[in-house]
Amino acid sequence: MVAGITTFLTMAYIIVVNPSILSSTGMDFGAVFVATCLAAVIGTLIMGLWAKG
């Protein structure tokens, strides 16, 4: 339970912080936000399917 909460809080944090850091370099905030969300979803799905198998 603690591991799940920790992972959720980490993902929620990085989804906001990563785009704000990269947007200061000139990258589009919306594009980086979507890319970060997609990377999180893909990584979560891969790990979930791999751990189940």
Protein backbone atom coordinates (compact mmCIF):
# COMPACT_ATOMS: atom_id res chain seq x y z
CA MET A 1 0.00 0.00 0.00
CA VAL A 2 2.80 2.38 0.91
CA ALA A 3 4.64 1.59 -2.31
CA GLY A 4 1.54 2.37 -4.36
CA ILE A 5 0.98 5.69 -2.60
CA THR A 6 4.64 6.60 -3.00
CA THR A 7 4.57 5.79 -6.71
CA PHE A 8 1.38 7.79 -7.22
CA LEU A 9 2.78 10.85 -5.44
CA THR A 10 6.03 10.61 -7.40
CA MET A 11 4.16 10.43 -10.72
CA ALA A 12 1.89 13.32 -9.76
CA TYR A 13 4.96 15.37 -8.84
CA ILE A 14 6.97 14.62 -11.98
CA ILE A 15 4.01 15.23 -14.31
CA VAL A 16 3.93 18.84 -13.09
CA VAL A 17 7.62 19.51 -12.44
CA ASN A 18 9.12 18.03 -15.61
CA PRO A 19 7.17 20.29 -18.03
CA SER A 20 7.82 23.38 -15.92
CA ILE A 21 11.57 22.74 -15.93
CA LEU A 22 11.72 21.95 -19.65
CA SER A 23 9.48 24.88 -20.59
CA SER A 24 12.09 27.23 -19.13
CA THR A 25 14.42 26.02 -21.90
CA GLY A 26 11.94 27.05 -24.58
CA MET A 27 10.04 23.80 -25.06
CA ASP A 28 6.24 23.95 -25.26
CA PHE A 29 4.70 23.22 -21.83
CA GLY A 30 1.69 21.40 -23.27
CA ALA A 31 3.76 19.15 -25.50
CA VAL A 32 6.14 18.22 -22.70
CA PHE A 33 3.19 17.62 -20.36
CA VAL A 34 1.59 15.19 -22.83
CA ALA A 35 4.91 13.46 -23.51
CA THR A 36 5.51 13.04 -19.77
CA CYS A 37 2.03 11.60 -19.26
CA LEU A 38 2.44 9.19 -22.17
CA ALA A 39 5.83 8.04 -20.92
CA ALA A 40 4.36 7.41 -17.47
CA VAL A 41 1.43 5.43 -18.91
CA ILE A 42 3.63 3.34 -21.20
CA GLY A 43 6.13 2.63 -18.44
CA THR A 44 3.38 1.67 -16.01
CA LEU A 45 1.74 -0.67 -18.52
CA ILE A 46 5.01 -2.37 -19.41
CA MET A 47 5.94 -2.93 -15.77
CA GLY A 48 2.42 -4.08 -14.87
CA LEU A 49 2.30 -6.62 -17.70
CA TRP A 50 5.88 -7.77 -17.14
CA ALA A 51 5.40 -8.24 -13.39
CA LYS A 52 2.21 -10.21 -13.94
CA GLY A 53 3.84 -12.63 -16.41
